[in-house]
C-alpha atoms as a PDB file:
ATOM      1  CA  LEU A   1    -111.637   6.111-123.241  1.00  0.00           C
ATOM      2  CA  ALA A   2    -115.227   5.129-123.746  1.00  0.00           C
ATOM      3  CA  GLY A   3    -114.518   3.666-127.156  1.00  0.00           C
ATOM      4  CA  GLY A   4    -111.588   1.631-125.896  1.00  0.00           C
ATOM      5  CA  LEU A   5    -109.278   3.166-128.482  1.00  0.00           C
ATOM      6  CA  ASP A   6    -105.537   3.179-128.093  1.00  0.00           C
ATOM      7  CA  GLU A   7    -103.623   6.442-128.512  1.00  0.00           C
ATOM      8  CA  GLN A   8    -103.212   5.991-132.266  1.00  0.00           C
ATOM      9  CA  GLY A   9    -106.890   5.261-132.808  1.00  0.00           C
ATOM     10  CA  ALA A  10    -108.032   8.151-130.616  1.00  0.00           C
ATOM     11  CA  ALA A  11    -105.647  10.549-132.350  1.00  0.00           C
ATOM     12  CA  LYS A  12    -106.928   9.452-135.764  1.00  0.00           C
ATOM     13  CA  VAL A  13    -110.571   9.958-134.741  1.00  0.00           C
ATOM     14  CA  LEU A  14    -109.742  13.419-133.404  1.00  0.00           C
ATOM     15  CA  GLY A  15    -107.695  14.317-136.472  1.00  0.00           C
ATOM     16  CA  VAL A  16    -104.469  14.994-134.581  1.00  0.00           C
ATOM     17  CA  THR A  17    -101.073  13.340-134.395  1.00  0.00           C
ATOM     18  CA  THR A  18    -100.438  10.663-131.793  1.00  0.00           C
ATOM     19  CA  GLN A  19     -97.875  12.965-130.202  1.00  0.00           C
ATOM     20  CA  GLY A  20    -100.369  15.845-130.119  1.00  0.00           C
ATOM     21  CA  TYR A  21    -102.986  13.589-128.544  1.00  0.00           C
ATOM     22  CA  GLY A  22    -100.551  12.490-125.835  1.00  0.00           C
ATOM     23  CA  VAL A  23     -99.561  16.069-125.056  1.00  0.00           C
ATOM     24  CA  ALA A  24    -103.212  17.121-124.817  1.00  0.00           C
ATOM     25  CA  VAL A  25    -104.065  14.229-122.484  1.00  0.00           C
ATOM     26  CA  ARG A  26    -101.097  14.973-120.208  1.00  0.00           C
ATOM     27  CA  ARG A  27    -101.958  18.678-120.090  1.00  0.00           C
ATOM     28  CA  ALA A  28    -105.594  17.954-119.252  1.00  0.00           C
ATOM     29  CA  LEU A  29    -104.668  15.494-116.513  1.00  0.00           C
ATOM     30  CA  ALA A  30    -102.055  17.867-115.075  1.00  0.00           C
ATOM     31  CA  GLN A  31    -104.653  20.621-114.962  1.00  0.00           C
ATOM     32  CA  LEU A  32    -107.149  18.339-113.202  1.00  0.00           C
ATOM     33  CA  ALA A  33    -104.525  17.069-110.756  1.00  0.00           C
ATOM     34  CA  GLY A  34    -102.958  20.462-110.135  1.00  0.00           C
ATOM     35  CA  ASN A  35     -99.453  19.134-110.871  1.00  0.00           C
ATOM     36  CA  ASP A  36     -97.428  17.431-113.588  1.00  0.00           C
ATOM     37  CA  ASP A  37     -96.017  14.434-111.689  1.00  0.00           C
ATOM     38  CA  GLN A  38     -95.924  11.744-114.399  1.00  0.00           C
ATOM     39  CA  ASP A  39     -96.601   8.869-111.990  1.00  0.00           C
ATOM     40  CA  ALA A  40     -99.626  10.681-110.571  1.00  0.00           C
ATOM     41  CA  LEU A  41    -100.858  11.447-114.085  1.00  0.00           C
ATOM     42  CA  ALA A  42    -100.554   7.796-115.130  1.00  0.00           C
ATOM     43  CA  THR A  43    -102.500   6.737-112.051  1.00  0.00           C
ATOM     44  CA  GLN A  44    -105.152   9.357-112.715  1.00  0.00           C
ATOM     45  CA  TRP A  45    -105.457   8.220-116.336  1.00  0.00           C
ATOM     46  CA  ARG A  46    -106.028   4.607-115.254  1.00  0.00           C
ATOM     47  CA  GLN A  47    -108.588   5.695-112.661  1.00  0.00           C
ATOM     48  CA  LEU A  48    -110.443   7.807-115.212  1.00  0.00           C
ATOM     49  CA  ARG A  49    -110.439   4.944-117.728  1.00  0.00           C
ATOM     50  CA  ASP A  50    -111.744   2.521-115.101  1.00  0.00           C
ATOM     51  CA  GLN A  51    -114.458   4.958-114.027  1.00  0.00           C
ATOM     52  CA  VAL A  52    -115.632   5.464-117.616  1.00  0.00           C
ATOM     53  CA  HIS A  53    -115.738   1.710-118.232  1.00  0.00           C
ATOM     54  CA  ARG A  54    -117.668   1.076-114.989  1.00  0.00           C
ATOM     55  CA  ARG A  55    -120.228   3.716-115.946  1.00  0.00           C
ATOM     56  CA  ILE A  56    -120.676   2.186-119.392  1.00  0.00           C
ATOM     57  CA  LYS A  57    -121.183  -1.265-117.878  1.00  0.00           C
ATOM     58  CA  SER A  58    -123.875   0.127-115.568  1.00  0.00           C
ATOM     59  CA  LEU A  59    -125.956   1.473-118.476  1.00  0.00           C
ATOM     60  CA  PRO A  60    -129.171  -0.321-119.424  1.00  0.00           C
ATOM     61  CA  PRO A  61    -128.589  -3.173-121.908  1.00  0.00           C
ATOM     62  CA  ASP A  62    -130.353  -1.368-124.769  1.00  0.00           C
ATOM     63  CA  ARG A  63    -128.085   1.669-124.332  1.00  0.00           C
ATOM     64  CA  GLN A  64    -124.999  -0.557-124.190  1.00  0.00           C
ATOM     65  CA  ARG A  65    -126.064  -2.222-127.469  1.00  0.00           C
ATOM     66  CA  ALA A  66    -126.621   1.161-129.102  1.00  0.00           C
ATOM     67  CA  LEU A  67    -123.157   2.344-128.044  1.00  0.00           C
ATOM     68  CA  ALA A  68    -121.559  -0.911-129.188  1.00  0.00           C
ATOM     69  CA  GLY A  69    -123.086  -0.399-132.625  1.00  0.00           C
ATOM     70  CA  MET A  70    -121.504   3.008-133.074  1.00  0.00           C
END
């Protein structure tokens, strides 16, 4: 999320298949939400992504530059 990677990129970084990454994300979200309603999980995923991006944007400029360089 923080790196802005799509599913394929995130899976590659983590060393798992894209399918395995998707399963892991859905399981984690279902556990956090307490259910496995796919619409609710999609909404939760978007909210989590937006929250992470807002927090990154609120970091001091020097920290943002350091993260961008990674």
